[in-house]
Structures are given as structure tokens and as C-alpha cells.
Protein backbone atom coordinates (compact mmCIF):
# COMPACT_ATOMS: atom_id res chain seq x y z
CA MET A 1 25.94 98.34 252.50
CA LYS A 2 26.63 100.05 255.62
CA PRO A 3 29.11 102.76 255.98
CA SER A 4 31.32 100.70 258.17
CA GLN A 5 31.35 97.94 255.65
CA PHE A 6 32.08 100.44 253.08
CA LYS A 7 35.12 101.58 255.03
CA ILE A 8 36.31 98.04 255.40
CA VAL A 9 35.89 97.33 251.70
CA TYR A 10 37.51 100.63 250.99
CA TYR A 11 40.52 99.82 253.15
CA LEU A 12 40.76 96.35 251.72
CA ASP A 13 40.59 97.68 248.18
CA SER A 14 43.05 100.41 248.96
CA PRO A 15 46.19 98.35 248.08
CA ASP A 16 44.48 97.17 244.93
CA ARG A 17 43.61 100.72 244.05
CA GLU A 18 47.13 101.86 244.64
CA SER A 19 48.33 98.97 242.59
CA LEU A 20 45.77 99.81 239.95
CA SER A 21 46.81 103.42 240.08
CA ARG A 22 50.48 102.50 239.60
CA VAL A 23 49.56 100.17 236.78
CA ASN A 24 47.54 102.96 235.17
CA GLU A 25 50.47 105.36 235.58
CA LYS A 26 52.83 102.82 234.04
CA LEU A 27 50.31 102.19 231.29
CA GLU A 28 50.15 105.93 230.57
CA HIS A 29 53.94 106.07 230.67
CA TYR A 30 54.21 103.19 228.18
CA GLU A 31 51.51 104.70 225.99
CA LYS A 32 53.46 108.00 225.94
CA LEU A 33 56.64 106.05 225.23
CA GLU A 34 54.85 104.20 222.42
CA ALA A 35 53.60 107.49 220.99
CA THR A 36 57.10 108.93 221.20
CA ILE A 37 58.58 105.88 219.49
CA GLN A 38 55.89 106.04 216.79
CA ASN A 39 56.64 109.72 216.24
CA THR A 40 60.34 108.93 216.11
CA LEU A 41 59.68 106.16 213.57
CA LEU A 42 57.56 108.53 211.49
CA LEU A 43 60.30 111.16 211.60
CA ALA A 44 62.90 108.52 210.70
CA GLN A 45 60.69 107.31 207.82
CA ASN A 46 60.21 110.88 206.60
CA ALA A 47 63.95 111.53 206.84
CA ALA A 48 64.66 108.32 204.92
CA ASP A 49 62.11 109.29 202.26
CA GLN A 50 63.65 112.75 201.96
CA ALA A 51 67.14 111.26 201.76
CA LYS A 52 65.94 108.84 199.08
CA GLU A 53 64.33 111.65 197.07
CA SER A 54 67.42 113.79 197.46
CA SER A 55 69.64 110.90 196.38
CA GLU A 56 67.43 110.21 193.36
CA LYS A 57 67.52 113.88 192.35
CA GLN A 58 71.27 113.98 192.82
CA ALA A 59 71.64 110.78 190.78
CA GLU A 60 69.49 112.29 188.02
CA LEU A 61 71.66 115.43 188.07
CA ILE A 62 74.85 113.38 187.90
CA ILE A 63 73.48 111.29 185.04
CA GLY A 64 72.27 114.43 183.25
CA ASN A 65 75.69 116.08 183.67
CA ALA A 66 77.42 112.92 182.49
CA ASN A 67 75.16 112.75 179.42
CA ASP A 68 75.79 116.45 178.68
CA THR A 69 79.54 115.97 179.04
CA ALA A 70 79.47 112.88 176.86
CA GLN A 71 77.45 114.73 174.22
CA ARG A 72 79.92 117.65 174.29
CA ILE A 73 82.82 115.22 173.89
CA LEU A 74 81.06 113.50 170.98
CA ASP A 75 80.25 116.85 169.36
CA LYS A 76 83.85 118.01 169.73
CA ALA A 77 85.17 114.72 168.36
CA HIS A 78 82.76 114.96 165.43
CA GLY A 79 83.88 118.54 164.81
CA ASP A 80 87.52 117.44 164.96
CA VAL A 81 86.85 114.64 162.48
CA VAL A 82 85.08 117.04 160.11
CA GLY A 83 87.97 119.51 160.47
CA ILE A 84 90.56 116.83 159.81
CA ASN A 85 88.62 115.61 156.77
CA ASP A 86 88.37 119.17 155.47
CA GLU A 87 92.09 119.69 156.02
CA TYR A 88 92.83 116.39 154.29
CA GLU A 89 90.72 117.39 151.29
CA ARG A 90 92.40 120.81 151.16
CA VAL A 91 95.89 119.30 151.30
CA LYS A 92 94.88 116.71 148.73
CA GLU A 93 93.64 119.44 146.37
CA GLU A 94 96.83 121.45 146.94
CA PHE A 95 98.89 118.36 146.15
CA ILE A 96 96.91 117.72 142.95
CA LYS A 97 97.43 121.37 141.92
CA PHE A 98 101.12 121.18 142.79
CA ARG A 99 101.52 117.93 140.89
CA ALA A 100 99.81 119.43 137.83
CA LYS A 101 101.97 122.58 138.02
CA PHE A 102 105.12 120.55 138.57
CA ARG A 103 104.24 118.25 135.66
CA GLY A 104 103.64 121.30 133.52
CA PHE A 105 106.95 122.76 134.65
CA MET A 106 108.76 119.50 133.97
CA ASN A 107 107.09 119.16 130.56
CA THR A 108 108.10 122.74 129.75
CA GLN A 109 111.65 121.97 130.84
CA LEU A 110 111.66 118.82 128.70
CA GLN A 111 110.34 120.77 125.74
CA THR A 112 112.98 123.44 126.31
CA PHE A 113 115.64 120.76 126.55
CA ASP A 114 114.35 119.13 123.36
CA GLU A 115 114.37 122.50 121.58
CA LEU A 116 117.91 123.20 122.81
CA GLU A 117 118.95 119.76 121.67
CA LYS A 118 117.36 120.37 118.25
CA ASP A 119 119.07 123.76 118.03
CA LEU A 120 122.36 122.18 119.01
CA THR A 121 121.87 119.43 116.44
CA LYS A 122 120.80 121.92 113.80
CA ASN A 123 123.43 124.57 114.48
CA TYR A 124 126.34 122.31 115.32
CA ASN A 125 125.27 119.23 113.40
CA VAL A 126 125.93 117.10 116.50
CA ALA A 127 123.81 114.23 115.31
CA GLN A 128 125.98 113.58 112.26
CA PRO A 129 129.43 112.07 112.56
CA VAL A 130 132.32 114.41 111.83
CA GLU A 131 133.34 112.51 108.75
CA GLN A 132 130.04 113.43 107.15
CA TYR A 133 130.43 117.06 108.05
CA GLU A 134 130.74 119.10 104.90
CA LEU A 135 131.68 122.68 104.76
CA HIS A 136 129.93 124.96 102.41
CA GLU A 137 132.05 126.89 100.04
CA LYS A 138 131.91 130.06 102.08
CA GLU A 139 132.76 128.18 105.27
CA ALA A 140 135.59 126.36 103.50
CA GLU A 141 137.15 129.63 102.49
CA ILE A 142 137.11 130.92 106.04
CA TYR A 143 139.12 128.06 107.47
CA SER A 144 142.64 127.33 106.43
CA SER A 145 143.81 123.81 106.03
CA GLU A 146 145.49 123.91 109.44
CA GLU A 147 142.31 125.06 111.09
CA LYS A 148 140.37 122.34 109.31
CA GLU A 149 142.69 119.74 110.79
CA GLU A 150 142.00 121.12 114.23
CA PHE A 151 138.44 119.79 114.01
CA LYS A 152 139.11 116.33 115.21
CA LEU A 153 136.41 113.82 116.02
CA GLU A 154 137.61 113.38 119.60
CA ASP A 155 137.44 117.10 120.35
CA LEU A 156 133.94 117.31 118.96
CA ASN A 157 132.83 114.27 121.00
CA ASP A 158 134.34 115.86 124.13
CA ASP A 159 132.33 119.01 123.45
CA ILE A 160 129.16 116.98 122.94
CA ASP A 161 129.79 115.06 126.16
CA ALA A 162 130.32 118.33 128.03
CA VAL A 163 127.02 119.74 126.71
CA LYS A 164 125.15 116.54 127.58
CA LYS A 165 126.69 116.53 131.04
CA PHE A 166 125.72 120.17 131.55
CA TYR A 167 122.07 119.53 130.66
CA SER A 168 121.86 116.29 132.61
CA ASN A 169 123.06 118.03 135.80
CA ASN A 170 120.61 120.90 135.41
């Protein structure tokens, strides 16, 4: 090839070269843009992965806290139930003791009442009708005939009723 031909070919190829040069520049630009987009996608993927890990850790913490809180609530409720059962047993025992003491007291009162009633019957012969009441000789000498008449059956029954009423109210 001669130099003049070379110049001609060179000039003829010049628009193609410029075009090729522009295409190469655009290609480089698009390759840089592609690299930038790929880097952006990688960063976005990494950010998403980190967000996912962070969310999973936070979810685990929330679940752990919820489980701890639930366990504390269950423990407190169990403690309350045990306390209430203990209190119930204590009150039950106190009631049983009180009932036994009160029964003993009531039995003592009944025995005292029975003894008083026996003493009243023995000393005042309340159980026997007045007609059957006999005075001993010494007692007969103490009372005059007028005083003996004063002992009427109605008066004695009134006295007995008053004594019974007194003990029934107390």
C-alpha cells in the first residue's frame, strides 16, 4: 500500500473510527454504569441482609422478653395460689380450734347449767310438786301456820318460771 492510498483509506475510515471511538466511549460509560448498578445492588442486598438479621435478633429479643414476662407472671400467680392455700389452711385450722374451744365452752356452760339446775332442784325441791313438799320437824317449828299458808303453789311456780327465764336468757 502506498502512502497516498493509506491516507485515503485513513480519511475514509476516519468517520468509522470516530463512530467506533464514540461507541467505545458509550460502551465504557455503560460498563461503568453497569458496575455502579451492580455495586448498588450489592449494597442494597447487604443492607437488606443486615436489616433481616437485625429484625430476627429483635424478634428473638422480643420473644425472649415475652417468655420471661410470662414466666414471671406464672411464677407470681403460682406464689399467690400457694399463699392463698396456706392462708386457707391457717384459717381452717383456726376455725377448727375455735370450734373446739367454743364447744368446750358451751359444754362447760351446759354442765354448769345442769349443776345449777340440780342444786336448785336439790335445795329448793323444784322438781317435786308443792303438795308433796314436806317440812322436817325443825323446819316446821320455824314457820308459823300463817307463814306456811304463804307458800302457795302459784308463787312457787312463778319463782321457778323466773329462774328458768333467767337461765334461758343468759
